[in-house]
N, C-alpha and C. Protein backbone atom coordinates (compact mmCIF):
# COMPACT_ATOMS: atom_id res chain seq x y z
N MET A 1 -322.57 98.91 -113.03
CA MET A 1 -322.26 97.69 -113.72
C MET A 1 -323.05 96.57 -113.08
N LYS A 2 -323.46 95.64 -113.89
CA LYS A 2 -324.23 94.52 -113.39
C LYS A 2 -323.33 93.61 -112.55
N PRO A 3 -323.83 93.18 -111.39
CA PRO A 3 -323.01 92.34 -110.52
C PRO A 3 -322.53 91.06 -111.18
N ALA A 4 -323.37 90.45 -112.02
CA ALA A 4 -322.97 89.20 -112.67
C ALA A 4 -321.76 89.41 -113.57
N ALA A 5 -321.74 90.52 -114.31
CA ALA A 5 -320.61 90.80 -115.20
C ALA A 5 -319.34 91.03 -114.39
N ALA A 6 -319.46 91.78 -113.30
CA ALA A 6 -318.30 92.03 -112.44
C ALA A 6 -317.79 90.73 -111.84
N LEU A 7 -318.70 89.87 -111.41
CA LEU A 7 -318.31 88.59 -110.84
C LEU A 7 -317.58 87.73 -111.88
N LEU A 8 -318.13 87.68 -113.10
CA LEU A 8 -317.49 86.88 -114.16
C LEU A 8 -316.08 87.39 -114.44
N TRP A 9 -315.94 88.71 -114.53
CA TRP A 9 -314.61 89.26 -114.83
C TRP A 9 -313.65 88.99 -113.67
N SER A 10 -314.12 89.13 -112.43
CA SER A 10 -313.26 88.86 -111.28
C SER A 10 -312.79 87.41 -111.28
N ILE A 11 -313.69 86.50 -111.60
CA ILE A 11 -313.32 85.09 -111.68
C ILE A 11 -312.31 84.88 -112.79
N ALA A 12 -312.55 85.51 -113.95
CA ALA A 12 -311.61 85.36 -115.07
C ALA A 12 -310.23 85.88 -114.70
N ILE A 13 -310.17 87.03 -114.03
CA ILE A 13 -308.88 87.59 -113.62
C ILE A 13 -308.18 86.63 -112.65
N CYS A 14 -308.93 86.15 -111.66
CA CYS A 14 -308.31 85.26 -110.68
C CYS A 14 -307.83 83.97 -111.32
N LEU A 15 -308.61 83.42 -112.25
CA LEU A 15 -308.17 82.20 -112.94
C LEU A 15 -306.97 82.47 -113.82
N THR A 16 -306.96 83.62 -114.46
CA THR A 16 -305.85 83.96 -115.34
C THR A 16 -304.57 84.18 -114.53
N LEU A 17 -304.71 84.87 -113.44
CA LEU A 17 -303.53 85.23 -112.66
C LEU A 17 -303.13 84.18 -111.65
N ASP A 18 -304.04 83.23 -111.40
CA ASP A 18 -303.84 82.21 -110.38
C ASP A 18 -303.58 82.91 -109.07
N SER A 19 -302.37 82.96 -108.58
CA SER A 19 -302.10 83.72 -107.35
C SER A 19 -300.70 84.29 -107.44
N ALA A 20 -300.59 85.43 -108.07
CA ALA A 20 -299.28 85.98 -108.23
C ALA A 20 -299.01 86.98 -107.10
N ALA A 21 -297.27 88.28 -106.30
CA ALA A 21 -297.07 89.29 -105.25
C ALA A 21 -295.64 89.69 -105.12
N PHE A 22 -295.43 90.59 -104.34
CA PHE A 22 -294.07 91.04 -104.08
C PHE A 22 -293.54 90.29 -102.88
N ALA A 23 -292.31 89.95 -102.92
CA ALA A 23 -291.63 89.27 -101.81
C ALA A 23 -290.19 89.75 -101.81
N ALA A 24 -289.44 89.35 -100.81
CA ALA A 24 -288.04 89.73 -100.75
C ALA A 24 -287.25 89.01 -101.84
N ASP A 25 -287.78 87.95 -102.35
CA ASP A 25 -287.13 87.15 -103.39
C ASP A 25 -286.96 87.98 -104.66
N PRO A 26 -285.73 88.12 -105.19
CA PRO A 26 -285.52 88.92 -106.40
C PRO A 26 -286.27 88.39 -107.62
N ARG A 27 -286.61 87.09 -107.62
CA ARG A 27 -287.37 86.54 -108.75
C ARG A 27 -288.76 87.15 -108.84
N ALA A 28 -289.26 87.69 -107.73
CA ALA A 28 -290.58 88.32 -107.73
C ALA A 28 -290.60 89.55 -108.62
N MET A 29 -289.43 90.17 -108.83
CA MET A 29 -289.37 91.38 -109.66
C MET A 29 -288.93 91.09 -111.09
N GLN A 30 -288.68 89.83 -111.43
CA GLN A 30 -288.38 89.44 -112.81
C GLN A 30 -289.72 89.19 -113.49
N LEU A 31 -290.31 90.27 -113.97
CA LEU A 31 -291.70 90.23 -114.42
C LEU A 31 -291.86 89.88 -115.89
N ARG A 32 -292.93 89.16 -116.17
CA ARG A 32 -293.39 88.90 -117.54
C ARG A 32 -294.71 89.64 -117.69
N TYR A 33 -294.77 90.52 -118.68
CA TYR A 33 -295.95 91.34 -118.88
C TYR A 33 -296.85 90.73 -119.95
N GLN A 34 -298.15 90.76 -119.69
CA GLN A 34 -299.14 90.39 -120.69
C GLN A 34 -299.55 91.67 -121.41
N PRO A 35 -300.06 91.58 -122.63
CA PRO A 35 -300.50 92.79 -123.32
C PRO A 35 -301.82 93.32 -122.76
N TRP A 36 -302.12 94.58 -123.08
CA TRP A 36 -303.43 95.13 -122.75
C TRP A 36 -304.48 94.31 -123.49
N THR A 37 -305.58 94.00 -122.82
CA THR A 37 -306.68 93.26 -123.45
C THR A 37 -308.00 93.93 -123.12
N LYS A 38 -308.97 93.71 -123.99
CA LYS A 38 -310.31 94.23 -123.76
C LYS A 38 -311.30 93.10 -123.99
N SER A 39 -312.18 92.89 -123.01
CA SER A 39 -313.22 91.88 -123.11
C SER A 39 -314.55 92.52 -122.79
N CYS A 40 -315.58 92.07 -123.47
CA CYS A 40 -316.91 92.64 -123.25
C CYS A 40 -317.91 91.54 -122.97
N ILE A 41 -318.80 91.82 -122.04
CA ILE A 41 -319.95 90.97 -121.76
C ILE A 41 -321.15 91.89 -121.88
N GLY A 42 -321.86 91.76 -122.99
CA GLY A 42 -322.96 92.68 -123.25
C GLY A 42 -322.43 94.09 -123.42
N SER A 43 -322.98 95.04 -122.66
CA SER A 43 -322.53 96.43 -122.77
C SER A 43 -321.43 96.77 -121.77
N ASN A 44 -320.98 95.79 -120.99
CA ASN A 44 -319.91 96.01 -120.03
C ASN A 44 -318.60 95.51 -120.60
N CYS A 45 -317.58 96.37 -120.54
CA CYS A 45 -316.27 95.99 -121.05
C CYS A 45 -315.22 96.17 -119.96
N PHE A 46 -314.14 95.42 -120.10
CA PHE A 46 -313.06 95.41 -119.14
C PHE A 46 -311.75 95.52 -119.92
N VAL A 47 -310.94 96.51 -119.59
CA VAL A 47 -309.64 96.71 -120.24
C VAL A 47 -308.58 96.53 -119.16
N GLY A 48 -307.69 95.57 -119.37
CA GLY A 48 -306.73 95.29 -118.31
C GLY A 48 -305.37 94.85 -118.81
N ILE A 49 -304.43 94.82 -117.88
CA ILE A 49 -303.06 94.38 -118.12
C ILE A 49 -302.56 93.73 -116.84
N GLU A 50 -301.63 92.79 -116.97
CA GLU A 50 -301.07 92.13 -115.80
C GLU A 50 -299.59 91.84 -115.98
N ALA A 51 -298.95 91.56 -114.86
CA ALA A 51 -297.54 91.13 -114.85
C ALA A 51 -297.40 90.06 -113.79
N ARG A 52 -296.53 89.08 -114.07
CA ARG A 52 -296.25 88.02 -113.11
C ARG A 52 -294.76 87.89 -112.93
N GLY A 53 -294.36 87.59 -111.70
CA GLY A 53 -292.96 87.36 -111.41
C GLY A 53 -292.57 85.91 -111.67
N ARG A 54 -291.30 85.59 -111.45
CA ARG A 54 -290.77 84.23 -111.69
C ARG A 54 -290.94 83.31 -110.50
N CYS A 55 -291.56 83.82 -109.42
CA CYS A 55 -291.90 82.98 -108.28
C CYS A 55 -293.32 83.38 -107.86
N MET A 56 -293.95 82.54 -107.07
CA MET A 56 -295.32 82.82 -106.67
C MET A 56 -295.38 83.04 -105.18
N PRO A 57 -296.17 83.98 -104.70
CA PRO A 57 -296.96 84.93 -105.46
C PRO A 57 -296.16 86.18 -105.79
N SER A 58 -296.34 86.73 -106.99
CA SER A 58 -295.69 88.00 -107.37
C SER A 58 -296.40 88.59 -108.58
N GLY A 59 -296.39 89.93 -108.67
CA GLY A 59 -296.99 90.61 -109.80
C GLY A 59 -298.19 91.45 -109.40
N GLY A 60 -299.04 91.70 -110.38
CA GLY A 60 -300.23 92.49 -110.13
C GLY A 60 -300.93 92.83 -111.44
N TRP A 61 -302.00 93.63 -111.34
CA TRP A 61 -302.76 94.00 -112.53
C TRP A 61 -303.49 95.32 -112.31
N VAL A 62 -303.93 95.89 -113.45
CA VAL A 62 -304.77 97.08 -113.47
C VAL A 62 -305.94 96.76 -114.39
N LEU A 63 -307.15 97.10 -113.97
CA LEU A 63 -308.36 96.77 -114.74
C LEU A 63 -309.28 97.98 -114.77
N PHE A 64 -309.65 98.41 -115.98
CA PHE A 64 -310.60 99.51 -116.17
C PHE A 64 -311.95 98.90 -116.55
N ILE A 65 -313.01 99.36 -115.87
CA ILE A 65 -314.34 98.82 -116.10
C ILE A 65 -315.18 99.89 -116.79
N LEU A 66 -315.81 99.49 -117.92
CA LEU A 66 -316.66 100.40 -118.68
C LEU A 66 -318.08 99.84 -118.71
N GLU A 67 -319.03 100.73 -118.59
CA GLU A 67 -320.43 100.34 -118.66
C GLU A 67 -321.09 101.20 -119.74
N ASP A 68 -321.68 100.55 -120.72
CA ASP A 68 -322.29 101.26 -121.86
C ASP A 68 -321.30 102.22 -122.51
N GLY A 69 -320.04 101.81 -122.62
CA GLY A 69 -319.00 102.60 -123.28
C GLY A 69 -318.40 103.72 -122.44
N LYS A 70 -318.88 103.91 -121.22
CA LYS A 70 -318.38 104.97 -120.35
C LYS A 70 -317.52 104.38 -119.24
N PRO A 71 -316.39 105.02 -118.92
CA PRO A 71 -315.56 104.51 -117.82
C PRO A 71 -316.30 104.62 -116.49
N VAL A 72 -316.24 103.57 -115.70
CA VAL A 72 -316.93 103.53 -114.42
C VAL A 72 -315.94 103.47 -113.27
N SER A 73 -314.99 102.55 -113.36
CA SER A 73 -314.05 102.40 -112.25
C SER A 73 -312.75 101.76 -112.72
N VAL A 74 -311.75 101.87 -111.87
CA VAL A 74 -310.47 101.21 -112.08
C VAL A 74 -310.18 100.40 -110.82
N SER A 75 -309.72 99.18 -111.04
CA SER A 75 -309.28 98.33 -109.93
C SER A 75 -307.82 98.01 -110.17
N SER A 76 -307.10 97.82 -109.10
CA SER A 76 -305.72 97.39 -109.24
C SER A 76 -305.41 96.41 -108.13
N SER A 77 -304.37 95.64 -108.34
CA SER A 77 -304.04 94.64 -107.35
C SER A 77 -302.55 94.36 -107.34
N PHE A 78 -302.05 94.12 -106.13
CA PHE A 78 -300.76 93.50 -105.93
C PHE A 78 -301.07 92.09 -105.47
N PHE A 79 -300.21 91.17 -105.78
CA PHE A 79 -300.33 89.85 -105.22
C PHE A 79 -299.26 89.74 -104.16
N THR A 80 -299.64 90.06 -102.96
CA THR A 80 -298.69 90.03 -101.86
C THR A 80 -299.44 89.95 -100.55
N LYS A 81 -298.83 89.38 -99.58
CA LYS A 81 -299.43 89.32 -98.25
C LYS A 81 -298.94 90.48 -97.40
N SER A 82 -298.25 91.43 -98.00
CA SER A 82 -297.58 92.45 -97.19
C SER A 82 -297.96 93.88 -97.53
N VAL A 83 -299.19 94.14 -98.02
CA VAL A 83 -299.61 95.51 -98.28
C VAL A 83 -300.20 96.11 -97.00
N ARG A 84 -299.75 97.34 -96.70
CA ARG A 84 -300.29 98.07 -95.56
C ARG A 84 -300.73 99.43 -96.08
N GLY A 85 -301.93 99.84 -95.75
CA GLY A 85 -302.41 101.14 -96.17
C GLY A 85 -302.94 101.13 -97.59
N PRO A 86 -303.21 102.32 -98.12
CA PRO A 86 -303.87 102.40 -99.42
C PRO A 86 -302.95 102.02 -100.58
N ILE A 87 -303.58 101.61 -101.64
CA ILE A 87 -302.92 101.38 -102.92
C ILE A 87 -303.19 102.64 -103.74
N SER A 88 -302.23 103.08 -104.55
CA SER A 88 -302.47 104.25 -105.40
C SER A 88 -301.99 103.97 -106.81
N LEU A 89 -302.50 104.78 -107.74
CA LEU A 89 -302.07 104.75 -109.13
C LEU A 89 -301.31 106.03 -109.41
N ARG A 90 -300.25 105.92 -110.20
CA ARG A 90 -299.50 107.10 -110.62
C ARG A 90 -299.41 107.05 -112.14
N ILE A 91 -299.82 108.13 -112.78
CA ILE A 91 -299.73 108.24 -114.23
C ILE A 91 -298.48 109.06 -114.54
N ASP A 92 -297.54 108.44 -115.26
CA ASP A 92 -296.23 109.04 -115.51
C ASP A 92 -295.64 109.52 -114.18
N ALA A 93 -295.20 110.77 -114.09
CA ALA A 93 -294.61 111.28 -112.86
C ALA A 93 -295.58 112.16 -112.08
N ASP A 94 -296.88 112.07 -112.39
CA ASP A 94 -297.89 112.88 -111.70
C ASP A 94 -298.03 112.43 -110.25
N SER A 95 -298.79 113.20 -109.49
CA SER A 95 -299.07 112.84 -108.10
C SER A 95 -299.87 111.54 -108.06
N PRO A 96 -299.67 110.74 -107.01
CA PRO A 96 -300.43 109.49 -106.91
C PRO A 96 -301.92 109.74 -106.71
N ILE A 97 -302.72 108.84 -107.24
CA ILE A 97 -304.17 108.87 -107.08
C ILE A 97 -304.52 107.74 -106.12
N PRO A 98 -304.93 108.06 -104.88
CA PRO A 98 -305.22 106.99 -103.91
C PRO A 98 -306.42 106.15 -104.33
N LEU A 99 -306.29 104.84 -104.16
CA LEU A 99 -307.38 103.90 -104.34
C LEU A 99 -307.75 103.44 -102.93
N PRO A 100 -308.88 103.90 -102.42
CA PRO A 100 -309.19 103.71 -101.00
C PRO A 100 -309.53 102.26 -100.63
N ASP A 101 -309.37 101.99 -99.35
CA ASP A 101 -309.82 100.75 -98.72
C ASP A 101 -309.45 99.47 -99.46
N PRO A 102 -308.15 99.15 -99.55
CA PRO A 102 -307.81 97.89 -100.20
C PRO A 102 -308.35 96.70 -99.41
N THR A 103 -308.77 95.70 -100.13
CA THR A 103 -309.23 94.46 -99.53
C THR A 103 -308.17 93.41 -99.80
N CYS A 104 -307.63 92.82 -98.76
CA CYS A 104 -306.59 91.79 -98.92
C CYS A 104 -307.13 90.45 -98.43
N LEU A 105 -307.00 89.45 -99.27
CA LEU A 105 -307.43 88.10 -98.95
C LEU A 105 -306.25 87.30 -98.40
N PRO A 106 -306.51 86.21 -97.68
CA PRO A 106 -305.42 85.39 -97.15
C PRO A 106 -304.47 84.86 -98.23
N SER A 107 -304.97 84.71 -99.46
CA SER A 107 -304.13 84.20 -100.55
C SER A 107 -303.06 85.20 -100.97
N GLY A 108 -303.20 86.47 -100.53
CA GLY A 108 -302.24 87.48 -100.91
C GLY A 108 -302.79 88.47 -101.92
N LEU A 109 -303.99 88.23 -102.44
CA LEU A 109 -304.60 89.14 -103.40
C LEU A 109 -305.11 90.37 -102.67
N CYS A 110 -304.58 91.55 -103.01
CA CYS A 110 -305.03 92.82 -102.44
C CYS A 110 -305.61 93.67 -103.57
N VAL A 111 -306.88 94.02 -103.46
CA VAL A 111 -307.58 94.74 -104.51
C VAL A 111 -308.12 96.05 -103.97
N SER A 112 -308.05 97.09 -104.79
CA SER A 112 -308.62 98.39 -104.44
C SER A 112 -309.30 98.95 -105.69
N LYS A 113 -310.32 99.80 -105.50
CA LYS A 113 -311.14 100.27 -106.62
C LYS A 113 -311.44 101.75 -106.47
N LEU A 114 -311.57 102.46 -107.60
CA LEU A 114 -311.83 103.89 -107.62
C LEU A 114 -312.74 104.25 -108.79
N ALA A 115 -313.72 105.13 -108.56
CA ALA A 115 -314.57 105.62 -109.65
C ALA A 115 -313.73 106.53 -110.55
N ILE A 116 -313.95 106.44 -111.87
CA ILE A 116 -313.18 107.24 -112.83
C ILE A 116 -314.10 107.92 -113.83
N ASP A 117 -313.53 108.80 -114.66
CA ASP A 117 -314.30 109.50 -115.67
C ASP A 117 -313.49 109.60 -116.97
N ASP A 118 -314.09 110.26 -117.97
CA ASP A 118 -313.44 110.40 -119.29
C ASP A 118 -312.13 111.18 -119.21
N ARG A 119 -312.01 112.13 -118.27
CA ARG A 119 -310.77 112.92 -118.15
C ARG A 119 -309.58 112.03 -117.79
N LEU A 120 -309.79 111.08 -116.88
CA LEU A 120 -308.70 110.19 -116.50
C LEU A 120 -308.30 109.31 -117.68
N ILE A 121 -309.27 108.82 -118.41
CA ILE A 121 -308.97 107.98 -119.58
C ILE A 121 -308.20 108.79 -120.62
N ALA A 122 -308.57 110.05 -120.84
CA ALA A 122 -307.87 110.91 -121.79
C ALA A 122 -306.41 111.10 -121.35
N ARG A 123 -306.18 111.28 -120.05
CA ARG A 123 -304.80 111.40 -119.53
C ARG A 123 -304.01 110.12 -119.82
N LEU A 124 -304.64 108.97 -119.58
CA LEU A 124 -303.97 107.69 -119.81
C LEU A 124 -303.60 107.51 -121.27
N LYS A 125 -304.46 107.96 -122.17
CA LYS A 125 -304.20 107.80 -123.61
C LYS A 125 -302.99 108.61 -124.05
N ARG A 126 -302.66 109.69 -123.34
CA ARG A 126 -301.50 110.53 -123.68
C ARG A 126 -300.25 110.15 -122.89
N ALA A 127 -300.42 109.35 -121.86
CA ALA A 127 -299.31 109.04 -120.94
C ALA A 127 -298.46 107.87 -121.44
N GLN A 128 -297.34 107.68 -120.76
CA GLN A 128 -296.41 106.58 -121.09
C GLN A 128 -296.55 105.38 -120.16
N THR A 129 -296.77 105.63 -118.85
CA THR A 129 -296.85 104.54 -117.88
C THR A 129 -297.92 104.79 -116.83
N ILE A 130 -298.40 103.70 -116.28
CA ILE A 130 -299.25 103.74 -115.10
C ILE A 130 -298.58 102.82 -114.08
N THR A 131 -298.48 103.29 -112.85
CA THR A 131 -297.79 102.55 -111.81
C THR A 131 -298.73 102.32 -110.63
N ILE A 132 -298.78 101.08 -110.14
CA ILE A 132 -299.49 100.76 -108.91
C ILE A 132 -298.47 100.92 -107.79
N GLU A 133 -298.85 101.63 -106.74
CA GLU A 133 -297.94 101.85 -105.61
C GLU A 133 -298.65 101.50 -104.31
N ALA A 134 -297.87 101.01 -103.36
CA ALA A 134 -298.39 100.71 -102.02
C ALA A 134 -297.20 100.70 -101.06
N THR A 135 -297.50 100.53 -99.79
CA THR A 135 -296.47 100.40 -98.78
C THR A 135 -296.57 99.01 -98.18
N GLY A 136 -295.44 98.34 -98.08
CA GLY A 136 -295.40 97.01 -97.47
C GLY A 136 -295.49 97.11 -95.96
N VAL A 137 -295.76 95.98 -95.29
CA VAL A 137 -295.92 95.99 -93.84
C VAL A 137 -294.66 96.40 -93.11
N THR A 138 -293.50 96.27 -93.74
CA THR A 138 -292.27 96.70 -93.09
C THR A 138 -291.85 98.10 -93.54
N GLY A 139 -292.76 98.81 -94.24
CA GLY A 139 -292.50 100.18 -94.64
C GLY A 139 -291.86 100.36 -96.00
N GLU A 140 -291.53 99.29 -96.70
CA GLU A 140 -290.91 99.41 -98.02
C GLU A 140 -291.95 99.84 -99.06
N ARG A 141 -291.47 100.55 -100.08
CA ARG A 141 -292.33 101.00 -101.17
C ARG A 141 -292.48 99.86 -102.17
N LEU A 142 -293.72 99.54 -102.50
CA LEU A 142 -294.01 98.55 -103.52
C LEU A 142 -294.50 99.29 -104.75
N ALA A 143 -293.97 98.99 -105.91
CA ALA A 143 -294.39 99.66 -107.14
C ALA A 143 -294.32 98.68 -108.30
N LEU A 144 -295.31 98.77 -109.17
CA LEU A 144 -295.38 97.93 -110.35
C LEU A 144 -295.85 98.81 -111.50
N SER A 145 -294.99 99.02 -112.51
CA SER A 145 -295.31 99.91 -113.63
C SER A 145 -295.71 99.14 -114.87
N PHE A 146 -296.67 99.69 -115.59
CA PHE A 146 -297.15 99.11 -116.84
C PHE A 146 -297.04 100.16 -117.95
N SER A 147 -296.59 99.74 -119.11
CA SER A 147 -296.53 100.63 -120.27
C SER A 147 -297.95 100.91 -120.76
N LEU A 148 -298.17 102.13 -121.21
CA LEU A 148 -299.46 102.51 -121.78
C LEU A 148 -299.39 102.60 -123.31
N ASP A 149 -298.33 102.05 -123.92
CA ASP A 149 -298.14 102.14 -125.37
C ASP A 149 -299.37 101.71 -126.17
N ASP A 150 -299.97 100.59 -125.83
CA ASP A 150 -301.12 100.08 -126.59
C ASP A 150 -302.45 100.37 -125.93
N PHE A 151 -302.45 101.09 -124.81
CA PHE A 151 -303.68 101.30 -124.07
C PHE A 151 -304.78 101.96 -124.91
N ALA A 152 -304.48 103.08 -125.55
CA ALA A 152 -305.50 103.82 -126.31
C ALA A 152 -306.08 102.95 -127.43
N HIS A 153 -305.21 102.24 -128.14
CA HIS A 153 -305.66 101.38 -129.24
C HIS A 153 -306.60 100.29 -128.72
N VAL A 154 -306.23 99.65 -127.62
CA VAL A 154 -307.05 98.57 -127.07
C VAL A 154 -308.33 99.15 -126.47
N TYR A 155 -308.23 100.25 -125.73
CA TYR A 155 -309.40 100.86 -125.08
C TYR A 155 -310.44 101.25 -126.13
N ASP A 156 -310.00 101.88 -127.22
CA ASP A 156 -310.93 102.35 -128.25
C ASP A 156 -311.35 101.25 -129.22
N GLY A 157 -310.64 100.14 -129.23
CA GLY A 157 -310.94 99.06 -130.15
C GLY A 157 -312.08 98.18 -129.68
N PRO A 158 -312.43 97.21 -130.51
CA PRO A 158 -313.50 96.29 -130.11
C PRO A 158 -313.01 95.33 -129.02
N GLY A 159 -313.92 94.93 -128.17
CA GLY A 159 -313.56 93.97 -127.13
C GLY A 159 -313.86 92.56 -127.59
N ALA A 160 -313.13 91.62 -127.05
CA ALA A 160 -313.40 90.22 -127.36
C ALA A 160 -314.71 89.82 -126.70
N GLU A 161 -315.55 89.13 -127.42
CA GLU A 161 -316.80 88.63 -126.86
C GLU A 161 -316.46 87.50 -125.89
N PRO A 162 -317.37 87.19 -124.95
CA PRO A 162 -317.07 86.18 -123.93
C PRO A 162 -316.58 84.85 -124.50
N LYS A 163 -317.16 84.38 -125.60
CA LYS A 163 -316.74 83.09 -126.16
C LYS A 163 -315.30 83.19 -126.67
N VAL A 164 -314.98 84.27 -127.38
CA VAL A 164 -313.63 84.47 -127.89
C VAL A 164 -312.66 84.64 -126.72
N PHE A 165 -313.08 85.42 -125.71
CA PHE A 165 -312.24 85.62 -124.53
C PHE A 165 -311.96 84.29 -123.85
N GLU A 166 -313.01 83.47 -123.68
CA GLU A 166 -312.85 82.17 -123.04
C GLU A 166 -311.90 81.28 -123.84
N GLU A 167 -312.05 81.27 -125.17
CA GLU A 167 -311.15 80.47 -126.01
C GLU A 167 -309.71 80.95 -125.89
N THR A 168 -309.52 82.26 -125.87
CA THR A 168 -308.19 82.82 -125.71
C THR A 168 -307.60 82.44 -124.36
N GLN A 169 -308.42 82.55 -123.30
CA GLN A 169 -307.95 82.18 -121.97
C GLN A 169 -307.58 80.71 -121.90
N GLN A 170 -308.40 79.86 -122.52
CA GLN A 170 -308.10 78.42 -122.53
C GLN A 170 -306.79 78.15 -123.25
N SER A 171 -306.57 78.85 -124.36
CA SER A 171 -305.33 78.69 -125.11
C SER A 171 -304.13 79.14 -124.27
N LEU A 172 -304.26 80.30 -123.62
CA LEU A 172 -303.19 80.79 -122.76
C LEU A 172 -302.90 79.83 -121.61
N LYS A 173 -303.96 79.32 -121.00
CA LYS A 173 -303.78 78.37 -119.90
C LYS A 173 -303.09 77.11 -120.39
N ALA A 174 -303.44 76.64 -121.59
CA ALA A 174 -302.79 75.44 -122.14
C ALA A 174 -301.30 75.70 -122.35
N LYS A 175 -300.96 76.89 -122.88
CA LYS A 175 -299.55 77.24 -123.08
C LYS A 175 -298.82 77.32 -121.75
N LEU A 176 -299.47 77.90 -120.74
CA LEU A 176 -298.86 77.98 -119.42
C LEU A 176 -298.64 76.59 -118.83
N ARG A 177 -299.63 75.70 -119.01
CA ARG A 177 -299.47 74.33 -118.52
C ARG A 177 -298.32 73.62 -119.22
N GLU A 178 -298.19 73.84 -120.54
CA GLU A 178 -297.08 73.24 -121.29
C GLU A 178 -295.75 73.77 -120.76
N ARG A 179 -295.66 75.09 -120.58
CA ARG A 179 -294.43 75.69 -120.07
C ARG A 179 -294.13 75.17 -118.67
N GLU A 180 -295.19 75.05 -117.85
CA GLU A 180 -295.01 74.55 -116.49
C GLU A 180 -294.55 73.09 -116.51
N ALA A 181 -295.09 72.29 -117.45
CA ALA A 181 -294.68 70.89 -117.55
C ALA A 181 -293.20 70.80 -117.93
N GLU A 182 -292.76 71.70 -118.82
CA GLU A 182 -291.36 71.70 -119.24
C GLU A 182 -290.43 72.22 -118.14
N ASN A 183 -290.84 73.30 -117.49
CA ASN A 183 -289.98 73.97 -116.51
C ASN A 183 -290.34 73.70 -115.07
N GLY A 184 -291.49 73.08 -114.83
CA GLY A 184 -292.00 72.90 -113.48
C GLY A 184 -292.77 74.14 -113.07
N PRO A 185 -293.57 74.03 -112.01
CA PRO A 185 -294.35 75.20 -111.57
C PRO A 185 -293.43 76.28 -111.02
N PRO A 186 -293.89 77.54 -111.06
CA PRO A 186 -293.05 78.59 -110.47
C PRO A 186 -292.82 78.28 -109.00
N PRO A 187 -291.60 78.44 -108.54
CA PRO A 187 -291.32 78.17 -107.14
C PRO A 187 -291.95 79.22 -106.25
N PRO A 188 -292.18 78.90 -104.98
CA PRO A 188 -292.69 79.93 -104.08
C PRO A 188 -291.62 81.00 -103.84
N CYS A 189 -292.08 82.22 -103.69
CA CYS A 189 -291.15 83.31 -103.36
C CYS A 189 -290.67 83.13 -101.92
N GLU A 190 -289.43 83.45 -101.71
CA GLU A 190 -288.87 83.40 -100.36
C GLU A 190 -289.17 84.71 -99.66
N GLU A 191 -289.52 84.63 -98.42
CA GLU A 191 -289.85 85.84 -97.64
C GLU A 191 -288.62 86.66 -97.38
């Protein structure tokens, strides 16, 4: 994948998600899920889903990267300052698939990436859920599950072009700002 496309998508994800994670605060697990989306920049496409908690930082995302229509990699993230060890993906009740070498930033964003192929995508199209799993610094299990109900439809469908994607993101951000103005910003999660 071209570095510029990956950089643009990473920036878009970070702007969209702001800084969401898991915390001891129960509001962190009161998640709001966004639908599966597909965006394309030239021949590179990105299929992803996210969830955010009712306090910040909380939530996470899963992102599939395609190059020239072929699956290249999957990235996933927790928004937490407390991930220790590898992050893994679990499809339905199958064995976890380790995502090696997570990178955690001071903001709490922990990202891990794995090369994928058509077989994994075919499994996802037949599955019900995909779960991101990790271990917290105090040994607790962190897990965030996403429904795969619309995954196949979105994956096989057309992707939004960058201009349409940008307009959609601007609209979503405007709605979030309106909601935040009405309700105030999400409170910080309590440790």
